[in-house]
C-alpha atoms as a PDB file:
ATOM      1  CA  MET A   1      -2.933  -1.775 -11.836  1.00  0.00           C
ATOM      2  CA  CYS A   2      -5.166  -4.705 -12.538  1.00  0.00           C
ATOM      3  CA  ASN A   3      -4.234  -7.663 -15.360  1.00  0.00           C
ATOM      4  CA  GLY A   4      -7.801  -9.361 -15.611  1.00  0.00           C
ATOM      5  CA  ARG A   5      -6.146 -12.108 -17.919  1.00  0.00           C
ATOM      6  CA  ASN A   6      -3.057 -13.008 -15.844  1.00  0.00           C
ATOM      7  CA  TYR A   7      -4.088 -11.738 -12.189  1.00  0.00           C
ATOM      8  CA  SER A   8      -2.871 -14.390  -9.916  1.00  0.00           C
ATOM      9  CA  CYS A   9       0.757 -15.913 -10.180  1.00  0.00           C
ATOM     10  CA  PRO A  10       0.632 -19.708 -10.844  1.00  0.00           C
ATOM     11  CA  TYR A  11       3.248 -20.650  -8.107  1.00  0.00           C
ATOM     12  CA  CYS A  12       2.586 -18.353  -5.139  1.00  0.00           C
ATOM     13  CA  GLY A  13      -0.694 -16.791  -5.874  1.00  0.00           C
ATOM     14  CA  ALA A  14       0.504 -13.275  -5.773  1.00  0.00           C
ATOM     15  CA  SER A  15      -1.321 -10.640  -7.811  1.00  0.00           C
ATOM     16  CA  ASP A  16      -0.238  -8.533 -10.558  1.00  0.00           C
ATOM     17  CA  ARG A  17       0.087  -5.231  -7.719  1.00  0.00           C
ATOM     18  CA  GLU A  18       1.451  -7.704  -5.097  1.00  0.00           C
ATOM     19  CA  ARG A  19       4.178  -8.557  -7.994  1.00  0.00           C
ATOM     20  CA  LEU A  20       4.843  -5.135  -8.586  1.00  0.00           C
ATOM     21  CA  TYR A  21       5.639  -4.670  -4.859  1.00  0.00           C
ATOM     22  CA  ALA A  22       7.895  -7.395  -4.458  1.00  0.00           C
ATOM     23  CA  LEU A  23       9.626  -6.091  -7.506  1.00  0.00           C
ATOM     24  CA  TYR A  24      10.349  -3.108  -5.676  1.00  0.00           C
ATOM     25  CA  LEU A  25      11.042  -4.420  -2.155  1.00  0.00           C
ATOM     26  CA  LYS A  26      13.512  -6.939  -3.631  1.00  0.00           C
ATOM     27  CA  ASN A  27      15.665  -3.576  -4.612  1.00  0.00           C
ATOM     28  CA  TYR A  28      14.980  -1.437  -1.835  1.00  0.00           C
ATOM     29  CA  LEU A  29      15.465  -3.869   1.289  1.00  0.00           C
ATOM     30  CA  PRO A  30      18.608  -4.812   0.362  1.00  0.00           C
ATOM     31  CA  SER A  31      20.166  -1.720   0.111  1.00  0.00           C
ATOM     32  CA  ILE A  32      19.081  -0.533   3.574  1.00  0.00           C
ATOM     33  CA  ALA A  33      22.529  -0.047   5.488  1.00  0.00           C
ATOM     34  CA  SER A  34      21.919   1.046   9.096  1.00  0.00           C
ATOM     35  CA  ASP A  35      22.862   0.934  12.719  1.00  0.00           C
ATOM     36  CA  GLN A  36      19.376   1.517  13.883  1.00  0.00           C
ATOM     37  CA  VAL A  37      16.572  -0.932  13.941  1.00  0.00           C
ATOM     38  CA  PHE A  38      14.379  -0.452  10.410  1.00  0.00           C
ATOM     39  CA  ARG A  39      10.778  -0.469  11.614  1.00  0.00           C
ATOM     40  CA  PHE A  40       8.681  -1.790   8.978  1.00  0.00           C
ATOM     41  CA  ILE A  41       4.977  -1.861   9.287  1.00  0.00           C
ATOM     42  CA  ASP A  42       2.752  -4.021   6.896  1.00  0.00           C
ATOM     43  CA  PHE A  43      -1.196  -3.299   7.390  1.00  0.00           C
ATOM     44  CA  ALA A  44      -3.755  -5.927   6.070  1.00  0.00           C
ATOM     45  CA  PRO A  45      -0.602  -8.123   5.162  1.00  0.00           C
ATOM     46  CA  THR A  46      -1.123 -10.571   2.497  1.00  0.00           C
ATOM     47  CA  PRO A  47       0.983 -14.210   2.769  1.00  0.00           C
ATOM     48  CA  PRO A  48       2.928 -13.555  -0.998  1.00  0.00           C
ATOM     49  CA  VAL A  49       4.251 -10.189   0.315  1.00  0.00           C
ATOM     50  CA  SER A  50       4.993 -10.934   3.548  1.00  0.00           C
ATOM     51  CA  SER A  51       6.602 -14.371   3.201  1.00  0.00           C
ATOM     52  CA  LEU A  52       8.925 -12.223   0.420  1.00  0.00           C
ATOM     53  CA  ILE A  53       9.550  -9.484   2.928  1.00  0.00           C
ATOM     54  CA  LYS A  54      10.759 -12.208   5.713  1.00  0.00           C
ATOM     55  CA  ARG A  55      12.735 -14.176   3.535  1.00  0.00           C
ATOM     56  CA  LEU A  56      14.568 -10.587   2.177  1.00  0.00           C
ATOM     57  CA  ILE A  57      15.266  -9.681   5.825  1.00  0.00           C
ATOM     58  CA  ALA A  58      16.140 -13.150   7.095  1.00  0.00           C
ATOM     59  CA  GLU A  59      19.719 -12.515   6.774  1.00  0.00           C
ATOM     60  CA  HIS A  60      19.597  -9.316   8.857  1.00  0.00           C
ATOM     61  CA  PRO A  61      17.040 -10.040  11.453  1.00  0.00           C
ATOM     62  CA  GLN A  62      19.326  -7.668  13.766  1.00  0.00           C
ATOM     63  CA  THR A  63      18.461  -4.851  11.420  1.00  0.00           C
ATOM     64  CA  PHE A  64      14.957  -4.930  10.571  1.00  0.00           C
ATOM     65  CA  SER A  65      11.459  -5.134  12.933  1.00  0.00           C
ATOM     66  CA  TYR A  66       8.688  -6.093  10.658  1.00  0.00           C
ATOM     67  CA  ARG A  67       5.386  -6.331  11.925  1.00  0.00           C
ATOM     68  CA  THR A  68       2.101  -6.792  10.768  1.00  0.00           C
ATOM     69  CA  ALA A  69      -1.115  -4.743  11.426  1.00  0.00           C
ATOM     70  CA  ASP A  70      -4.735  -4.798  10.904  1.00  0.00           C
ATOM     71  CA  LEU A  71      -7.993  -4.189  12.528  1.00  0.00           C
ATOM     72  CA  LEU A  72     -10.076  -7.665  11.943  1.00  0.00           C
ATOM     73  CA  ALA A  73      -7.792 -10.269  10.230  1.00  0.00           C
ATOM     74  CA  GLU A  74      -6.381 -13.038  12.732  1.00  0.00           C
ATOM     75  CA  GLY A  75      -2.734 -13.579  13.473  1.00  0.00           C
ATOM     76  CA  VAL A  76      -1.508 -10.012  12.575  1.00  0.00           C
ATOM     77  CA  ASP A  77       1.072  -8.475  15.517  1.00  0.00           C
ATOM     78  CA  ASP A  78      -0.561  -5.418  15.795  1.00  0.00           C
ATOM     79  CA  ARG A  79      -4.303  -4.704  16.153  1.00  0.00           C
ATOM     80  CA  VAL A  80      -4.902  -1.368  14.926  1.00  0.00           C
ATOM     81  CA  ASP A  81      -7.758   1.009  13.358  1.00  0.00           C
ATOM     82  CA  LEU A  82      -5.870   2.917  10.374  1.00  0.00           C
ATOM     83  CA  MET A  83      -7.364   6.404  11.530  1.00  0.00           C
ATOM     84  CA  ASP A  84      -6.119   5.892  14.750  1.00  0.00           C
ATOM     85  CA  LEU A  85      -2.715   4.513  15.036  1.00  0.00           C
ATOM     86  CA  LYS A  86      -1.598   5.689  18.776  1.00  0.00           C
ATOM     87  CA  ILE A  87       0.019   2.461  19.451  1.00  0.00           C
ATOM     88  CA  TYR A  88       2.793   3.817  17.061  1.00  0.00           C
ATOM     89  CA  SER A  89       5.158   7.017  18.030  1.00  0.00           C
ATOM     90  CA  ASP A  90       5.672   9.971  16.106  1.00  0.00           C
ATOM     91  CA  ASN A  91       8.471   9.669  13.731  1.00  0.00           C
ATOM     92  CA  SER A  92       8.972   6.003  14.617  1.00  0.00           C
ATOM     93  CA  VAL A  93       8.302   3.922  11.429  1.00  0.00           C
ATOM     94  CA  ASP A  94      11.111   3.540   8.562  1.00  0.00           C
ATOM     95  CA  PHE A  95       8.590   1.860   5.961  1.00  0.00           C
ATOM     96  CA  PHE A  96       5.048   1.015   5.560  1.00  0.00           C
ATOM     97  CA  ILE A  97       2.755  -0.862   2.963  1.00  0.00           C
ATOM     98  CA  CYS A  98      -0.655   0.266   3.074  1.00  0.00           C
ATOM     99  CA  SER A  99      -2.151  -1.141   0.001  1.00  0.00           C
ATOM    100  CA  HIS A 100      -6.339  -0.906  -1.154  1.00  0.00           C
ATOM    101  CA  MET A 101      -6.972   0.134   2.553  1.00  0.00           C
ATOM    102  CA  LEU A 102      -7.863   3.409   2.443  1.00  0.00           C
ATOM    103  CA  GLU A 103     -10.706   2.677   0.450  1.00  0.00           C
ATOM    104  CA  HIS A 104     -12.238   1.090   3.471  1.00  0.00           C
ATOM    105  CA  VAL A 105     -12.104   3.467   5.798  1.00  0.00           C
ATOM    106  CA  ALA A 106     -14.804   6.469   6.845  1.00  0.00           C
ATOM    107  CA  ASP A 107     -12.023   9.146   7.106  1.00  0.00           C
ATOM    108  CA  ASP A 108      -9.313   8.801   4.616  1.00  0.00           C
ATOM    109  CA  LYS A 109      -7.692  12.431   5.577  1.00  0.00           C
ATOM    110  CA  LYS A 110      -7.177  11.169   9.142  1.00  0.00           C
ATOM    111  CA  ALA A 111      -6.014   8.184   8.218  1.00  0.00           C
ATOM    112  CA  LEU A 112      -3.442   9.456   5.888  1.00  0.00           C
ATOM    113  CA  ARG A 113      -2.324  11.738   8.748  1.00  0.00           C
ATOM    114  CA  GLU A 114      -1.935   9.130  10.931  1.00  0.00           C
ATOM    115  CA  LEU A 115       0.366   7.814   8.539  1.00  0.00           C
ATOM    116  CA  TYR A 116       2.006  11.000   7.838  1.00  0.00           C
ATOM    117  CA  ARG A 117       2.743  11.365  11.579  1.00  0.00           C
ATOM    118  CA  ILE A 118       4.224   8.072  12.266  1.00  0.00           C
ATOM    119  CA  LEU A 119       6.823   7.977   9.261  1.00  0.00           C
ATOM    120  CA  LYS A 120      10.302   8.905  10.246  1.00  0.00           C
ATOM    121  CA  PRO A 121      10.912  12.508   8.123  1.00  0.00           C
ATOM    122  CA  GLY A 122      12.626  11.167   4.612  1.00  0.00           C
ATOM    123  CA  ALA A 123      11.015   7.875   5.090  1.00  0.00           C
ATOM    124  CA  ARG A 124       8.799   6.044   2.472  1.00  0.00           C
ATOM    125  CA  GLY A 125       5.983   3.988   2.412  1.00  0.00           C
ATOM    126  CA  ILE A 126       4.047   1.891  -0.158  1.00  0.00           C
ATOM    127  CA  LEU A 127       0.574   3.742  -0.601  1.00  0.00           C
ATOM    128  CA  VAL A 128      -1.876   2.190  -3.302  1.00  0.00           C
ATOM    129  CA  VAL A 129      -5.601   2.209  -4.043  1.00  0.00           C
ATOM    130  CA  PRO A 130      -7.851   1.153  -6.832  1.00  0.00           C
ATOM    131  CA  ILE A 131      -7.881   3.921  -9.602  1.00  0.00           C
ATOM    132  CA  PRO A 132     -10.056   3.636 -12.427  1.00  0.00           C
ATOM    133  CA  LEU A 133      -8.511   5.847 -14.930  1.00  0.00           C
ATOM    134  CA  THR A 134     -11.908   7.094 -16.476  1.00  0.00           C
ATOM    135  CA  ALA A 135     -12.381   8.695 -12.803  1.00  0.00           C
ATOM    136  CA  ASP A 136     -12.284  12.357 -13.082  1.00  0.00           C
ATOM    137  CA  ALA A 137     -13.106  12.911  -9.118  1.00  0.00           C
ATOM    138  CA  ILE A 138     -13.298  11.379  -6.235  1.00  0.00           C
ATOM    139  CA  ASP A 139     -17.028   9.602  -5.328  1.00  0.00           C
ATOM    140  CA  GLU A 140     -17.437   8.878  -1.673  1.00  0.00           C
ATOM    141  CA  ASP A 141     -20.147   8.781   0.625  1.00  0.00           C
ATOM    142  CA  PRO A 142     -19.443   6.701   4.265  1.00  0.00           C
ATOM    143  CA  SER A 143     -23.189   6.478   4.747  1.00  0.00           C
ATOM    144  CA  VAL A 144     -24.036   4.421   1.990  1.00  0.00           C
ATOM    145  CA  THR A 145     -24.505   0.896   3.358  1.00  0.00           C
ATOM    146  CA  ASP A 146     -26.469  -0.687   0.774  1.00  0.00           C
ATOM    147  CA  GLU A 147     -24.107  -3.228  -0.707  1.00  0.00           C
ATOM    148  CA  GLY A 148     -25.275  -2.988  -4.179  1.00  0.00           C
ATOM    149  CA  GLU A 149     -25.215   0.183  -4.260  1.00  0.00           C
ATOM    150  CA  ARG A 150     -21.620   0.310  -3.061  1.00  0.00           C
ATOM    151  CA  TRP A 151     -20.814  -1.989  -5.782  1.00  0.00           C
ATOM    152  CA  ARG A 152     -22.326   0.228  -8.228  1.00  0.00           C
ATOM    153  CA  ARG A 153     -20.617   3.353  -7.086  1.00  0.00           C
ATOM    154  CA  PHE A 154     -17.510   2.285  -5.309  1.00  0.00           C
ATOM    155  CA  GLY A 155     -16.540  -1.305  -7.068  1.00  0.00           C
ATOM    156  CA  GLN A 156     -17.173  -3.354  -4.394  1.00  0.00           C
ATOM    157  CA  TYR A 157     -19.584  -4.191  -1.421  1.00  0.00           C
ATOM    158  CA  ASP A 158     -17.358  -2.812   1.552  1.00  0.00           C
ATOM    159  CA  HIS A 159     -16.092   0.212  -0.315  1.00  0.00           C
ATOM    160  CA  VAL A 160     -17.092   3.416   0.826  1.00  0.00           C
ATOM    161  CA  ARG A 161     -14.915   6.007  -1.738  1.00  0.00           C
ATOM    162  CA  LEU A 162     -13.928   5.393  -5.336  1.00  0.00           C
ATOM    163  CA  TYR A 163     -10.719   7.642  -6.379  1.00  0.00           C
ATOM    164  CA  SER A 164      -9.606   8.993  -9.307  1.00  0.00           C
ATOM    165  CA  LYS A 165      -5.925   9.362  -9.889  1.00  0.00           C
ATOM    166  CA  GLN A 166      -5.928  13.328  -9.563  1.00  0.00           C
ATOM    167  CA  GLY A 167      -8.034  12.960  -6.254  1.00  0.00           C
ATOM    168  CA  PHE A 168      -5.580  10.367  -4.793  1.00  0.00           C
ATOM    169  CA  LEU A 169      -2.632  12.252  -5.248  1.00  0.00           C
ATOM    170  CA  LEU A 170      -4.345  15.473  -3.926  1.00  0.00           C
ATOM    171  CA  ARG A 171      -5.248  14.070  -0.701  1.00  0.00           C
ATOM    172  CA  VAL A 172      -1.534  12.056  -0.659  1.00  0.00           C
ATOM    173  CA  GLY A 173      -0.354  15.947  -0.954  1.00  0.00           C
ATOM    174  CA  GLU A 174      -2.245  17.597   1.359  1.00  0.00           C
ATOM    175  CA  ALA A 175      -1.329  14.761   4.164  1.00  0.00           C
ATOM    176  CA  GLY A 176       2.447  16.292   3.497  1.00  0.00           C
ATOM    177  CA  PHE A 177       3.474  13.115   1.620  1.00  0.00           C
ATOM    178  CA  THR A 178       5.548  13.639  -2.039  1.00  0.00           C
ATOM    179  CA  ALA A 179       4.672  10.332  -4.021  1.00  0.00           C
ATOM    180  CA  HIS A 180       6.688   9.092  -6.161  1.00  0.00           C
ATOM    181  CA  GLN A 181       4.724   7.492  -9.132  1.00  0.00           C
ATOM    182  CA  LEU A 182       6.659   4.474 -10.450  1.00  0.00           C
ATOM    183  CA  GLY A 183       5.574   2.906 -13.994  1.00  0.00           C
ATOM    184  CA  ARG A 184       6.776   1.080 -16.749  1.00  0.00           C
ATOM    185  CA  GLU A 185       9.584   3.715 -17.267  1.00  0.00           C
ATOM    186  CA  HIS A 186      11.149   2.745 -13.802  1.00  0.00           C
ATOM    187  CA  PHE A 187      11.016  -0.669 -13.621  1.00  0.00           C
ATOM    188  CA  GLY A 188      11.401  -1.447 -17.544  1.00  0.00           C
ATOM    189  CA  GLU A 189       9.073  -2.472 -20.285  1.00  0.00           C
ATOM    190  CA  ARG A 190      10.656  -6.059 -20.490  1.00  0.00           C
ATOM    191  CA  VAL A 191      10.238  -6.353 -16.608  1.00  0.00           C
ATOM    192  CA  PHE A 192       6.465  -5.418 -16.583  1.00  0.00           C
ATOM    193  CA  LYS A 193       6.029  -8.100 -19.312  1.00  0.00           C
ATOM    194  CA  THR A 194       7.773 -10.649 -17.663  1.00  0.00           C
ATOM    195  CA  HIS A 195       5.780 -10.144 -14.489  1.00  0.00           C
ATOM    196  CA  ALA A 196       2.478  -9.759 -16.374  1.00  0.00           C
ATOM    197  CA  ILE A 197       1.887  -6.102 -15.351  1.00  0.00           C
ATOM    198  CA  THR A 198       0.096  -4.064 -17.004  1.00  0.00           C
ATOM    199  CA  ASP A 199       1.324  -1.451 -19.116  1.00  0.00           C
ATOM    200  CA  GLN A 200      -0.753   1.451 -17.135  1.00  0.00           C
ATOM    201  CA  SER A 201       0.139   0.077 -13.753  1.00  0.00           C
ATOM    202  CA  VAL A 202       1.837   2.587 -11.478  1.00  0.00           C
ATOM    203  CA  LEU A 203       3.349   1.863  -7.775  1.00  0.00           C
ATOM    204  CA  TYR A 204       2.936   5.020  -5.506  1.00  0.00           C
ATOM    205  CA  VAL A 205       5.545   5.375  -3.252  1.00  0.00           C
ATOM    206  CA  VAL A 206       5.205   8.224  -0.571  1.00  0.00           C
ATOM    207  CA  GLU A 207       7.610   9.981   1.320  1.00  0.00           C
ATOM    208  CA  LYS A 208       7.819  12.233   4.153  1.00  0.00           C
END
């Protein structure tokens, strides 16, 4: 999910993956009809997506509880470690976004179990990691601290693993999630082209 030639939107700065999240959220959030508060947690929020969410829920503030969360970033609502989400109760969250985070944490299996724990039965979340399509297995080693070696093996200085598609889906399934893969067939070829999203891009939406 990376369009190197048209990565950032010239108007709002949204990356291609964020534009894909926006396409999903623009359809999903307005469909929410509930007499209870819809709890939405946005882990490691980005300005383009966070701004969109706030606009989408602005007309129904009593229906939505939108909170941002991160371990290090300033200005978020909740200071949390993805591997220890104790501030959120079991089965208490209706939706989350966890984008490009699991490749940073020492124990992604523990983080996945925590995400599963806090989500309500039947609820969903956007769960995305970098996946090179040529990878045939997960390469990981949290003990590697040399930045050059991390760039070589994992693609970024602060990553501790590089996922394969099969490996990612296996871990998601082991945590208990059902993974829905939404690609060009779901959104439409014309929509992908209009928003400069590559044909092979897939949005992973997990469900408890």
